[in-house]
Protein backbone atom coordinates (compact mmCIF):
# COMPACT_ATOMS: atom_id res chain seq x y z
CA MET A 1 9.43 0.89 -28.32
CA THR A 2 6.18 2.90 -28.25
CA THR A 3 4.82 3.70 -31.72
CA PRO A 4 3.01 6.98 -32.55
CA ILE A 5 -0.23 5.02 -32.98
CA GLN A 6 0.19 3.45 -29.54
CA SER A 7 0.96 6.84 -28.04
CA ARG A 8 -2.17 8.36 -29.55
CA ARG A 9 -4.24 5.41 -28.31
CA VAL A 10 -2.89 5.78 -24.76
CA PHE A 11 -3.45 9.52 -24.87
CA ASN A 12 -7.04 9.08 -26.11
CA GLN A 13 -7.78 6.52 -23.42
CA GLN A 14 -6.38 8.79 -20.72
CA ALA A 15 -8.29 11.78 -22.08
CA LEU A 16 -11.53 9.81 -22.21
CA GLY A 17 -10.98 8.62 -18.66
CA SER A 18 -10.38 12.18 -17.52
CA LEU A 19 -13.53 13.38 -19.25
CA LEU A 20 -15.60 10.63 -17.67
CA THR A 21 -14.10 11.39 -14.27
CA PHE A 22 -14.76 15.10 -14.71
CA SER A 23 -18.34 14.43 -15.84
CA LEU A 24 -18.96 12.21 -12.83
CA LEU A 25 -17.43 14.72 -10.43
CA GLU A 26 -19.43 17.51 -12.02
CA THR A 27 -22.66 15.51 -11.59
CA LEU A 28 -21.87 14.65 -7.97
CA PHE A 29 -20.84 18.23 -7.25
CA ARG A 30 -24.07 19.53 -8.79
CA HIS A 31 -26.13 17.16 -6.63
CA ASP A 32 -24.26 18.34 -3.53
CA LEU A 33 -24.93 21.96 -4.45
CA LEU A 34 -28.58 21.22 -5.08
CA ALA A 35 -28.92 19.49 -1.74
CA ASP A 36 -27.49 22.57 -0.04
CA GLU A 37 -29.92 24.85 -1.93
CA VAL A 38 -33.11 22.96 -1.05
CA ARG A 39 -34.98 24.89 1.59
CA PRO A 40 -36.69 23.17 4.57
CA ASN A 41 -40.06 24.58 3.49
CA ALA A 42 -39.76 22.81 0.14
CA VAL A 43 -38.90 19.52 1.85
CA ARG A 44 -41.90 19.82 4.18
CA TRP A 45 -44.12 20.68 1.23
CA LEU A 46 -42.97 17.61 -0.68
CA ALA A 47 -43.50 15.39 2.38
CA ASP A 48 -47.06 16.75 2.73
CA VAL A 49 -47.79 16.11 -0.96
CA ASN A 50 -46.48 12.58 -0.57
CA GLN A 51 -48.59 11.93 2.52
CA LEU A 52 -51.74 13.05 0.71
CA GLY A 53 -50.95 10.52 -2.01
CA ARG A 54 -50.52 7.78 0.58
CA ASP A 55 -53.80 8.70 2.24
CA LEU A 56 -55.57 8.63 -1.12
CA LYS A 57 -54.15 5.25 -2.10
CA GLY A 58 -54.93 3.92 1.38
CA GLN A 59 -58.49 5.24 1.04
CA SER A 60 -58.35 7.25 4.23
CA LEU A 61 -58.79 10.29 1.98
CA GLN A 62 -61.45 10.50 -0.72
CA PRO A 63 -60.57 11.80 -4.22
CA LEU A 64 -62.58 15.01 -3.89
CA ASP A 65 -60.89 15.75 -0.57
CA TRP A 66 -57.51 15.00 -2.14
CA GLN A 67 -58.25 17.54 -4.88
CA LYS A 68 -59.15 20.19 -2.33
CA LYS A 69 -56.12 19.55 -0.11
CA ILE A 70 -53.59 19.22 -2.92
CA GLU A 71 -54.83 22.47 -4.46
CA GLU A 72 -54.31 24.15 -1.09
CA LEU A 73 -50.77 22.76 -0.87
CA LEU A 74 -49.92 23.78 -4.43
CA ALA A 75 -51.30 27.27 -3.82
CA GLN A 76 -49.18 27.61 -0.67
CA ALA A 77 -45.98 26.43 -2.34
CA SER A 78 -43.20 28.92 -3.00
CA LEU A 79 -42.62 28.64 -6.73
CA SER A 80 -38.93 29.52 -6.35
CA ASP A 81 -38.54 26.71 -3.80
CA VAL A 82 -40.23 24.21 -6.10
CA LEU A 83 -37.99 25.27 -9.00
CA GLU A 84 -34.92 24.67 -6.84
CA LEU A 85 -36.30 21.36 -5.60
CA ILE A 86 -36.54 20.00 -9.16
CA ASP A 87 -33.37 21.78 -10.37
CA PHE A 88 -35.44 23.51 -13.02
CA GLU A 89 -32.67 25.54 -14.67
CA ARG A 90 -30.52 22.48 -15.36
CA LEU A 91 -33.50 20.33 -16.34
CA THR A 92 -34.75 22.80 -18.95
CA ALA A 93 -31.44 24.24 -20.16
CA ASN A 94 -31.39 22.38 -23.48
CA VAL A 95 -34.96 21.25 -24.01
CA SER A 96 -35.82 19.80 -27.40
CA PHE A 97 -39.48 20.71 -27.71
CA ALA A 98 -41.79 18.28 -29.47
CA GLU A 99 -43.15 19.34 -32.85
CA ARG A 100 -46.60 18.31 -31.64
CA GLY A 101 -47.81 17.80 -28.09
CA GLU A 102 -45.61 18.00 -25.03
CA ARG A 103 -42.10 16.84 -24.19
CA SER A 104 -42.01 14.88 -20.93
CA LEU A 105 -38.95 15.62 -18.77
CA ARG A 106 -38.03 13.10 -16.07
CA PHE A 107 -36.15 14.03 -12.92
CA SER A 108 -35.29 12.89 -9.39
CA PHE A 109 -35.68 14.81 -6.17
CA PRO A 110 -32.43 15.41 -4.24
CA LYS A 111 -31.59 12.88 -1.56
CA VAL A 112 -31.71 15.05 1.51
CA GLU A 113 -33.17 14.52 4.94
CA GLY A 114 -36.95 14.78 4.90
CA VAL A 115 -37.40 13.99 1.21
CA PRO A 116 -39.41 10.72 1.01
CA ALA A 117 -37.38 7.75 -0.20
CA GLU A 118 -40.46 6.21 -1.80
CA LEU A 119 -43.01 8.43 -3.47
CA SER A 120 -46.73 7.76 -3.53
CA PHE A 121 -47.07 9.58 -6.85
CA GLY A 122 -45.53 9.71 -10.29
CA LYS A 123 -44.03 12.96 -11.56
CA GLN A 124 -42.78 14.68 -14.68
CA ILE A 125 -42.39 18.10 -16.23
CA PHE A 126 -44.34 18.85 -19.41
CA ALA A 127 -42.48 21.21 -21.75
CA LEU A 128 -44.43 22.87 -24.55
CA LYS A 129 -43.76 25.47 -27.18
CA LYS A 130 -46.37 27.97 -28.28
CA ASP A 131 -49.69 26.54 -29.49
CA ARG A 132 -48.72 22.96 -28.52
CA SER A 133 -50.94 21.07 -26.10
CA VAL A 134 -51.18 18.45 -23.44
CA VAL A 135 -53.92 16.90 -25.54
CA PRO A 136 -57.48 16.47 -24.22
CA HIS A 137 -57.87 13.32 -22.19
CA GLY A 138 -59.67 11.89 -19.19
CA HIS A 139 -58.50 9.37 -16.63
CA ASN A 140 -59.45 6.02 -15.19
CA ASN A 141 -58.63 5.30 -11.55
CA MET A 142 -56.24 8.24 -11.22
CA ALA A 143 -55.85 11.58 -9.47
CA THR A 144 -53.70 14.22 -11.14
CA ALA A 145 -52.48 17.74 -10.41
CA PHE A 146 -50.83 20.38 -12.58
CA LEU A 147 -48.69 23.23 -11.25
CA ILE A 148 -47.69 25.84 -13.84
CA LEU A 149 -43.96 26.47 -13.45
CA LYS A 150 -43.37 28.93 -16.27
CA GLY A 151 -45.34 30.49 -19.10
CA ASP A 152 -49.03 30.95 -19.90
CA LEU A 153 -51.55 28.35 -20.96
CA ARG A 154 -55.20 28.05 -21.81
CA GLY A 155 -56.59 25.38 -19.51
CA ARG A 156 -59.87 23.58 -20.13
CA HIS A 157 -61.58 21.05 -17.88
CA TYR A 158 -64.68 18.95 -18.37
CA ASP A 159 -66.73 16.73 -16.11
CA ARG A 160 -67.01 13.18 -17.40
CA VAL A 161 -70.77 12.74 -17.13
CA GLN A 162 -71.42 9.39 -18.79
CA ASP A 163 -69.44 6.71 -20.62
CA GLU A 164 -70.71 5.14 -23.82
CA ALA A 165 -69.15 2.43 -25.94
CA GLU A 166 -67.53 4.80 -28.45
CA HIS A 167 -68.15 8.18 -26.82
CA ILE A 168 -68.02 9.98 -23.49
CA LEU A 169 -70.55 12.64 -22.51
CA ILE A 170 -68.71 15.66 -21.10
CA ARG A 171 -69.69 19.06 -19.69
CA PRO A 172 -67.26 22.03 -19.65
CA THR A 173 -66.32 23.29 -16.17
CA VAL A 174 -63.17 25.43 -16.64
CA ASP A 175 -61.87 27.49 -19.57
CA ARG A 176 -59.39 30.21 -18.60
CA LYS A 177 -55.83 31.44 -18.68
CA PHE A 178 -53.35 29.76 -16.30
CA THR A 179 -50.09 31.46 -15.33
CA ALA A 180 -47.01 30.50 -13.28
CA GLY A 181 -47.90 29.41 -9.76
CA GLU A 182 -51.48 28.41 -10.59
CA CYS A 183 -52.72 24.84 -10.40
CA SER A 184 -55.55 22.50 -11.32
CA THR A 185 -56.55 18.96 -10.34
CA VAL A 186 -58.36 15.95 -11.75
CA SER A 187 -60.05 12.90 -10.26
CA ASP A 188 -62.58 10.34 -11.45
CA TYR A 189 -65.24 12.44 -9.70
CA LYS A 190 -64.49 16.04 -10.69
CA ASP A 191 -62.99 17.78 -13.73
CA ASN A 192 -61.93 14.38 -15.06
CA VAL A 193 -61.00 15.59 -18.56
CA HIS A 194 -58.41 18.32 -19.12
CA TRP A 195 -56.63 20.03 -22.02
CA PHE A 196 -53.81 22.58 -21.69
CA GLN A 197 -52.45 24.63 -24.58
CA ALA A 198 -49.40 26.91 -24.39
CA THR A 199 -50.12 30.54 -25.30
CA SER A 200 -46.64 31.90 -24.48
CA GLU A 201 -43.48 31.08 -26.45
CA THR A 202 -42.72 28.24 -24.02
CA ALA A 203 -44.50 26.77 -21.03
CA PHE A 204 -43.62 24.23 -18.35
CA ILE A 205 -46.00 22.25 -16.13
CA PHE A 206 -45.15 20.17 -13.07
CA ASN A 207 -47.38 17.09 -13.20
CA LEU A 208 -47.99 14.69 -10.33
CA HIS A 209 -50.30 11.70 -10.58
CA VAL A 210 -51.51 9.09 -8.11
CA MET A 211 -52.37 5.78 -9.76
CA ASP A 212 -54.80 3.03 -8.74
CA THR A 213 -56.78 5.19 -6.36
CA ASN A 214 -59.67 2.70 -6.21
CA PRO A 215 -58.67 -0.95 -5.66
CA SER A 216 -62.12 -2.14 -6.77
CA ALA A 217 -62.09 -0.22 -10.06
CA THR A 218 -62.93 -2.31 -13.14
CA LEU A 219 -61.60 0.04 -15.84
CA PRO A 220 -57.87 -0.11 -16.66
CA THR A 221 -55.85 2.62 -14.97
CA GLY A 222 -54.62 5.32 -17.33
CA ARG A 223 -55.52 8.04 -19.81
CA VAL A 224 -58.62 8.07 -22.03
CA TYR A 225 -58.20 10.28 -25.12
CA ILE A 226 -61.22 12.05 -26.59
CA ASP A 227 -62.24 14.63 -29.18
CA PRO A 228 -63.96 17.24 -27.00
CA LEU A 229 -65.32 19.18 -29.99
CA GLY A 230 -68.00 16.62 -30.72
CA GLU A 231 -71.77 16.58 -31.04
CA LYS A 232 -73.49 19.25 -28.95
CA LEU A 233 -76.37 17.99 -26.80
CA ALA A 234 -78.93 19.58 -24.51
CA GLY A 235 -77.89 20.78 -21.06
CA GLY A 236 -74.44 21.93 -22.14
CA LEU A 237 -73.27 18.38 -22.86
CA THR A 238 -71.02 17.23 -25.68
CA ARG A 239 -70.80 13.67 -27.01
CA ALA A 240 -67.02 13.34 -27.33
CA ARG A 241 -65.64 10.58 -29.52
CA ARG A 242 -63.11 8.18 -27.97
CA ILE A 243 -59.86 8.32 -29.94
CA GLY A 244 -56.29 7.05 -29.65
CA TYR A 245 -53.23 9.05 -28.65
CA LYS A 246 -51.96 9.32 -32.24
CA GLU A 247 -55.18 10.92 -33.47
CA ALA A 248 -55.40 13.15 -30.39
CA ASN A 249 -51.89 14.39 -31.06
CA GLN A 250 -52.63 15.00 -34.74
CA LEU A 251 -55.83 16.91 -33.95
CA TYR A 252 -54.80 18.88 -30.86
CA GLY A 253 -51.10 18.38 -30.14
């Protein structure tokens, strides 16, 4: 004889199974819809971005040339196509913004014909609320690009002029408003340090980064955090103190 407790247990198990099945079907259905929505132009654009990353890592393309070409590609991109390609509405529907700094959102491109199976670059979406920042930092052995997807930001870039043991000498190169559809790039050779602060209620940035661009590099690949509001020197230079991520986030996040 089936007891009430057993009946409830069976019912709960069946209900949970149905929910899991529905969730899985919903996810698969959403991916199928997304694949149907992705336009050929967006797929070609992504393939071109990927090829530039391969050329850079293979050293058939120099970092300064990569910056120029990737900026051209980002400028040519249809923002609506890019938003569909990354499923922006779903990705950002329930964002929990960080109290300081940015929230990094991970995603996958749809598996459709023409989309590269292996990417030459890393990717993420930075989500920020008003007055929060992608904190000031430079890079070692990297090339990076930002495409503003939504919102307004104040973007600042600096050339990394000279490294010292506890400081980096920097010179400002860019300080302006960035809006949706605009882009900027970074390499070891130009505009190496950047700092983006949201000026609208929310802002979203598509970030792509190519790692290990110079096989003979001696510095560890990655970010280098600094305090750009350091000692002012002659010739427009600033001696910026090297700091850790925690301090950078406390000061500027």
